[in-house]
C-alpha atoms as a PDB file:
ATOM      1  CA  UNK A   1       3.736 -13.107  16.472  1.00  0.00           C
ATOM      2  CA  UNK A   2       2.960  -9.435  16.954  1.00  0.00           C
ATOM      3  CA  UNK A   3      -0.030  -8.007  15.084  1.00  0.00           C
ATOM      4  CA  UNK A   4       0.708  -5.617  12.264  1.00  0.00           C
ATOM      5  CA  UNK A   5      -0.167  -1.956  12.656  1.00  0.00           C
ATOM      6  CA  UNK A   6      -3.493  -1.037  11.070  1.00  0.00           C
ATOM      7  CA  UNK A   7      -4.582   2.223   9.464  1.00  0.00           C
ATOM      8  CA  UNK A   8      -7.914   3.514   8.082  1.00  0.00           C
ATOM      9  CA  UNK A   9      -8.729   6.115   5.445  1.00  0.00           C
ATOM     10  CA  UNK A  10     -12.272   7.463   5.359  1.00  0.00           C
ATOM     11  CA  UNK A  11     -14.313   8.608   2.340  1.00  0.00           C
ATOM     12  CA  UNK A  12     -14.450  12.365   2.126  1.00  0.00           C
ATOM     13  CA  UNK A  13     -10.754  12.642   2.980  1.00  0.00           C
ATOM     14  CA  UNK A  14      -9.114  14.633   0.214  1.00  0.00           C
ATOM     15  CA  UNK A  15      -7.031  12.575  -2.188  1.00  0.00           C
ATOM     16  CA  UNK A  16      -3.978  14.577  -3.177  1.00  0.00           C
ATOM     17  CA  UNK A  17      -3.447  14.484  -6.930  1.00  0.00           C
ATOM     18  CA  UNK A  18       0.154  14.671  -8.110  1.00  0.00           C
ATOM     19  CA  UNK A  19       1.591  15.151 -11.554  1.00  0.00           C
ATOM     20  CA  UNK A  20       3.999  12.325 -12.262  1.00  0.00           C
ATOM     21  CA  UNK A  21       7.613  13.397 -12.821  1.00  0.00           C
ATOM     22  CA  UNK A  22       9.015  13.047 -16.317  1.00  0.00           C
ATOM     23  CA  UNK A  23       9.665   9.421 -17.237  1.00  0.00           C
ATOM     24  CA  UNK A  24       7.151   8.020 -14.724  1.00  0.00           C
ATOM     25  CA  UNK A  25       3.712   6.558 -15.418  1.00  0.00           C
ATOM     26  CA  UNK A  26       1.046   4.390 -13.794  1.00  0.00           C
ATOM     27  CA  UNK A  27      -0.007   1.151 -15.465  1.00  0.00           C
ATOM     28  CA  UNK A  28      -2.180  -1.836 -14.637  1.00  0.00           C
ATOM     29  CA  UNK A  29      -1.578  -5.584 -14.558  1.00  0.00           C
ATOM     30  CA  UNK A  30      -2.013  -7.079 -18.034  1.00  0.00           C
ATOM     31  CA  UNK A  31      -0.026 -10.301 -18.456  1.00  0.00           C
ATOM     32  CA  UNK A  32       1.873 -12.981 -16.568  1.00  0.00           C
ATOM     33  CA  UNK A  33       5.048 -10.934 -17.216  1.00  0.00           C
ATOM     34  CA  UNK A  34       3.516  -8.303 -14.888  1.00  0.00           C
ATOM     35  CA  UNK A  35       3.215 -10.976 -12.200  1.00  0.00           C
ATOM     36  CA  UNK A  36       6.909 -11.735 -12.604  1.00  0.00           C
ATOM     37  CA  UNK A  37       7.733  -8.027 -12.214  1.00  0.00           C
ATOM     38  CA  UNK A  38       5.455  -7.851  -9.140  1.00  0.00           C
ATOM     39  CA  UNK A  39       7.397 -10.746  -7.618  1.00  0.00           C
ATOM     40  CA  UNK A  40      10.716  -8.962  -8.242  1.00  0.00           C
ATOM     41  CA  UNK A  41       9.441  -5.679  -6.770  1.00  0.00           C
ATOM     42  CA  UNK A  42       7.993  -7.347  -3.660  1.00  0.00           C
ATOM     43  CA  UNK A  43      10.985  -9.642  -3.113  1.00  0.00           C
ATOM     44  CA  UNK A  44      13.158  -6.574  -3.274  1.00  0.00           C
ATOM     45  CA  UNK A  45      10.916  -4.299  -1.228  1.00  0.00           C
ATOM     46  CA  UNK A  46       8.733  -6.394   1.077  1.00  0.00           C
ATOM     47  CA  UNK A  47       9.532 -10.064   1.362  1.00  0.00           C
ATOM     48  CA  UNK A  48      13.305 -10.001   1.422  1.00  0.00           C
ATOM     49  CA  UNK A  49      15.936 -12.104  -0.264  1.00  0.00           C
ATOM     50  CA  UNK A  50      15.510 -15.860  -0.120  1.00  0.00           C
ATOM     51  CA  UNK A  51      11.739 -15.472   0.138  1.00  0.00           C
ATOM     52  CA  UNK A  52       9.618 -17.216  -2.481  1.00  0.00           C
ATOM     53  CA  UNK A  53       7.948 -14.290  -4.229  1.00  0.00           C
ATOM     54  CA  UNK A  54       5.716 -16.580  -6.290  1.00  0.00           C
ATOM     55  CA  UNK A  55       4.423 -18.154  -3.071  1.00  0.00           C
ATOM     56  CA  UNK A  56       3.790 -14.632  -1.735  1.00  0.00           C
ATOM     57  CA  UNK A  57       1.911 -13.787  -4.946  1.00  0.00           C
ATOM     58  CA  UNK A  58      -0.169 -16.962  -4.639  1.00  0.00           C
ATOM     59  CA  UNK A  59      -0.981 -16.234  -0.979  1.00  0.00           C
ATOM     60  CA  UNK A  60      -1.448 -12.456  -1.136  1.00  0.00           C
ATOM     61  CA  UNK A  61      -3.008 -11.950  -4.573  1.00  0.00           C
ATOM     62  CA  UNK A  62      -4.061 -15.088  -6.465  1.00  0.00           C
ATOM     63  CA  UNK A  63      -5.864 -16.764  -3.554  1.00  0.00           C
ATOM     64  CA  UNK A  64      -7.794 -13.605  -2.591  1.00  0.00           C
ATOM     65  CA  UNK A  65     -11.196 -14.039  -4.236  1.00  0.00           C
ATOM     66  CA  UNK A  66     -11.981 -10.300  -4.169  1.00  0.00           C
ATOM     67  CA  UNK A  67      -8.827  -9.372  -6.114  1.00  0.00           C
ATOM     68  CA  UNK A  68      -8.899  -9.114  -9.894  1.00  0.00           C
ATOM     69  CA  UNK A  69      -5.294  -8.238 -10.827  1.00  0.00           C
ATOM     70  CA  UNK A  70      -6.333  -6.529 -14.084  1.00  0.00           C
ATOM     71  CA  UNK A  71      -8.687  -4.227 -12.168  1.00  0.00           C
ATOM     72  CA  UNK A  72      -6.936  -3.905  -8.805  1.00  0.00           C
ATOM     73  CA  UNK A  73      -3.166  -4.066  -9.334  1.00  0.00           C
ATOM     74  CA  UNK A  74      -1.252  -0.909 -10.192  1.00  0.00           C
ATOM     75  CA  UNK A  75       2.377  -0.380 -11.143  1.00  0.00           C
ATOM     76  CA  UNK A  76       4.507   2.714 -10.973  1.00  0.00           C
ATOM     77  CA  UNK A  77       6.728   2.633 -14.026  1.00  0.00           C
ATOM     78  CA  UNK A  78       9.925   4.454 -14.890  1.00  0.00           C
ATOM     79  CA  UNK A  79      10.623   4.608 -18.621  1.00  0.00           C
ATOM     80  CA  UNK A  80       8.258   1.671 -19.136  1.00  0.00           C
ATOM     81  CA  UNK A  81       9.775  -0.560 -16.436  1.00  0.00           C
ATOM     82  CA  UNK A  82       7.715  -1.535 -13.354  1.00  0.00           C
ATOM     83  CA  UNK A  83       9.471  -0.149 -10.257  1.00  0.00           C
ATOM     84  CA  UNK A  84       6.626  -0.071  -7.715  1.00  0.00           C
ATOM     85  CA  UNK A  85       3.279  -1.716  -7.068  1.00  0.00           C
ATOM     86  CA  UNK A  86       0.099  -1.481  -5.022  1.00  0.00           C
ATOM     87  CA  UNK A  87      -3.059  -3.579  -5.004  1.00  0.00           C
ATOM     88  CA  UNK A  88      -6.308  -1.788  -4.136  1.00  0.00           C
ATOM     89  CA  UNK A  89      -9.453  -3.902  -3.878  1.00  0.00           C
ATOM     90  CA  UNK A  90     -12.842  -4.046  -2.184  1.00  0.00           C
ATOM     91  CA  UNK A  91     -13.614  -6.749   0.375  1.00  0.00           C
ATOM     92  CA  UNK A  92     -17.078  -7.297  -1.056  1.00  0.00           C
ATOM     93  CA  UNK A  93     -18.753  -8.966   1.941  1.00  0.00           C
ATOM     94  CA  UNK A  94     -17.830  -5.987   4.126  1.00  0.00           C
ATOM     95  CA  UNK A  95     -17.726  -3.147   1.533  1.00  0.00           C
ATOM     96  CA  UNK A  96     -14.298  -2.136   2.850  1.00  0.00           C
ATOM     97  CA  UNK A  97     -11.431  -1.031   0.648  1.00  0.00           C
ATOM     98  CA  UNK A  98      -8.048  -2.646   1.155  1.00  0.00           C
ATOM     99  CA  UNK A  99      -4.646  -1.267   0.178  1.00  0.00           C
ATOM    100  CA  UNK A 100      -2.363  -4.248  -0.070  1.00  0.00           C
ATOM    101  CA  UNK A 101       1.266  -5.094  -0.909  1.00  0.00           C
ATOM    102  CA  UNK A 102       2.668  -1.576  -1.415  1.00  0.00           C
ATOM    103  CA  UNK A 103       6.268  -1.858  -2.543  1.00  0.00           C
ATOM    104  CA  UNK A 104       8.911   0.180  -4.340  1.00  0.00           C
ATOM    105  CA  UNK A 105      12.154  -1.323  -5.600  1.00  0.00           C
ATOM    106  CA  UNK A 106      15.143  -0.491  -3.375  1.00  0.00           C
ATOM    107  CA  UNK A 107      16.906   1.482  -6.099  1.00  0.00           C
ATOM    108  CA  UNK A 108      13.920   3.862  -6.329  1.00  0.00           C
ATOM    109  CA  UNK A 109      13.269   4.276  -2.585  1.00  0.00           C
ATOM    110  CA  UNK A 110      13.619   7.572  -0.780  1.00  0.00           C
ATOM    111  CA  UNK A 111      12.328   9.601  -3.737  1.00  0.00           C
ATOM    112  CA  UNK A 112       8.769  10.129  -2.420  1.00  0.00           C
ATOM    113  CA  UNK A 113       7.282   7.848  -5.090  1.00  0.00           C
ATOM    114  CA  UNK A 114       4.855   5.982  -2.821  1.00  0.00           C
ATOM    115  CA  UNK A 115       2.434   8.927  -3.035  1.00  0.00           C
ATOM    116  CA  UNK A 116       1.736   8.185  -6.712  1.00  0.00           C
ATOM    117  CA  UNK A 117       0.763   4.606  -5.900  1.00  0.00           C
ATOM    118  CA  UNK A 118      -1.415   5.760  -2.967  1.00  0.00           C
ATOM    119  CA  UNK A 119      -3.193   8.286  -5.199  1.00  0.00           C
ATOM    120  CA  UNK A 120      -3.938   5.586  -7.798  1.00  0.00           C
ATOM    121  CA  UNK A 121      -5.180   3.201  -5.081  1.00  0.00           C
ATOM    122  CA  UNK A 122      -7.397   5.766  -3.327  1.00  0.00           C
ATOM    123  CA  UNK A 123      -8.783   7.142  -6.610  1.00  0.00           C
ATOM    124  CA  UNK A 124      -9.825   3.591  -7.513  1.00  0.00           C
ATOM    125  CA  UNK A 125     -11.316   2.681  -4.123  1.00  0.00           C
ATOM    126  CA  UNK A 126     -13.181   5.976  -3.738  1.00  0.00           C
ATOM    127  CA  UNK A 127     -15.267   5.036  -6.814  1.00  0.00           C
ATOM    128  CA  UNK A 128     -16.852   2.131  -4.926  1.00  0.00           C
ATOM    129  CA  UNK A 129     -18.536   3.992  -2.059  1.00  0.00           C
ATOM    130  CA  UNK A 130     -16.690   1.877   0.521  1.00  0.00           C
ATOM    131  CA  UNK A 131     -17.241   2.374   4.270  1.00  0.00           C
ATOM    132  CA  UNK A 132     -13.498   3.005   4.672  1.00  0.00           C
ATOM    133  CA  UNK A 133     -10.137   1.825   3.351  1.00  0.00           C
ATOM    134  CA  UNK A 134      -7.875  -0.308   5.523  1.00  0.00           C
ATOM    135  CA  UNK A 135      -4.223  -1.246   5.342  1.00  0.00           C
ATOM    136  CA  UNK A 136      -1.780  -3.058   7.588  1.00  0.00           C
ATOM    137  CA  UNK A 137       1.949  -2.513   7.855  1.00  0.00           C
ATOM    138  CA  UNK A 138       4.953  -3.215  10.035  1.00  0.00           C
ATOM    139  CA  UNK A 139       6.563  -0.763  12.454  1.00  0.00           C
ATOM    140  CA  UNK A 140       9.929  -1.010  10.712  1.00  0.00           C
ATOM    141  CA  UNK A 141       8.408   0.376   7.468  1.00  0.00           C
ATOM    142  CA  UNK A 142       8.772   3.903   8.864  1.00  0.00           C
ATOM    143  CA  UNK A 143       8.838   5.883   5.619  1.00  0.00           C
ATOM    144  CA  UNK A 144       5.843   3.883   4.349  1.00  0.00           C
ATOM    145  CA  UNK A 145       3.899   4.839   7.496  1.00  0.00           C
ATOM    146  CA  UNK A 146       4.794   8.496   6.974  1.00  0.00           C
ATOM    147  CA  UNK A 147       3.496   8.199   3.401  1.00  0.00           C
ATOM    148  CA  UNK A 148       0.250   6.597   4.534  1.00  0.00           C
ATOM    149  CA  UNK A 149      -0.315   9.381   7.069  1.00  0.00           C
ATOM    150  CA  UNK A 150       0.380  11.962   4.337  1.00  0.00           C
ATOM    151  CA  UNK A 151      -2.272  10.228   2.196  1.00  0.00           C
ATOM    152  CA  UNK A 152      -4.822  10.700   5.010  1.00  0.00           C
ATOM    153  CA  UNK A 153      -4.667   7.326   6.775  1.00  0.00           C
ATOM    154  CA  UNK A 154      -5.133   7.299  10.565  1.00  0.00           C
ATOM    155  CA  UNK A 155      -3.753   4.798  13.089  1.00  0.00           C
ATOM    156  CA  UNK A 156      -6.144   2.198  14.512  1.00  0.00           C
ATOM    157  CA  UNK A 157      -5.945   0.874  18.053  1.00  0.00           C
ATOM    158  CA  UNK A 158      -7.367  -2.619  17.590  1.00  0.00           C
ATOM    159  CA  UNK A 159      -5.216  -4.815  19.792  1.00  0.00           C
ATOM    160  CA  UNK A 160      -3.586  -4.742  23.223  1.00  0.00           C
ATOM    161  CA  UNK A 161      -0.479  -2.560  23.221  1.00  0.00           C
ATOM    162  CA  UNK A 162      -1.312  -0.809  19.939  1.00  0.00           C
ATOM    163  CA  UNK A 163      -1.527   2.653  21.478  1.00  0.00           C
ATOM    164  CA  UNK A 164       2.008   2.408  22.881  1.00  0.00           C
ATOM    165  CA  UNK A 165       3.386   0.957  19.638  1.00  0.00           C
ATOM    166  CA  UNK A 166       1.795   3.767  17.643  1.00  0.00           C
ATOM    167  CA  UNK A 167       3.108   6.377  20.081  1.00  0.00           C
ATOM    168  CA  UNK A 168       6.646   5.045  19.573  1.00  0.00           C
ATOM    169  CA  UNK A 169       6.327   5.037  15.771  1.00  0.00           C
ATOM    170  CA  UNK A 170       4.830   8.541  15.644  1.00  0.00           C
ATOM    171  CA  UNK A 171       7.398   9.918  18.078  1.00  0.00           C
ATOM    172  CA  UNK A 172      10.198   8.486  15.941  1.00  0.00           C
ATOM    173  CA  UNK A 173       8.698  10.160  12.871  1.00  0.00           C
ATOM    174  CA  UNK A 174       8.303  13.522  14.708  1.00  0.00           C
ATOM    175  CA  UNK A 175       4.504  13.448  14.405  1.00  0.00           C
ATOM    176  CA  UNK A 176       3.087  15.259  17.427  1.00  0.00           C
ATOM    177  CA  UNK A 177      -0.534  14.265  17.368  1.00  0.00           C
ATOM    178  CA  UNK A 178      -2.850  12.375  15.105  1.00  0.00           C
ATOM    179  CA  UNK A 179      -6.368  11.090  15.555  1.00  0.00           C
ATOM    180  CA  UNK A 180      -6.450   7.396  16.404  1.00  0.00           C
ATOM    181  CA  UNK A 181      -9.411   5.080  15.843  1.00  0.00           C
END
């Protein structure tokens, strides 16, 4: 299995603040119904059909001791309905922020909405004086990678072959040069 791509965001990097378009809002996890919506969003946007979203939730959120859904899980809503999600938490032992499980429902993709979730996540994590914020993603999530770069994340070369993989991704996205860690 190939390692996921990794990106870092460093404190002091400007966090772009955007006014939400009419009808959109940011909310937080409150009840088990929010978990069910998270499962639908991630099945639709990350895990794929036929994947057990509740198992994904158990593995990615519920079993992570540093995650408190009510504090760390954000939703992008359209007219009160959850259509996107991000989890932003601090790995306490390491004092590193983590942006986790970023997903937008298919029917809302391609509208540049990820930036609102990234702003919410980075605003939250920047309050904790973390060393840096980390995220991992897959090469095929091209528009997500573009969004992360726009939010100030930089590629990380942490495994054999990463530099070449990043070069291919950046070339495909028409990004000439970017600092790599």
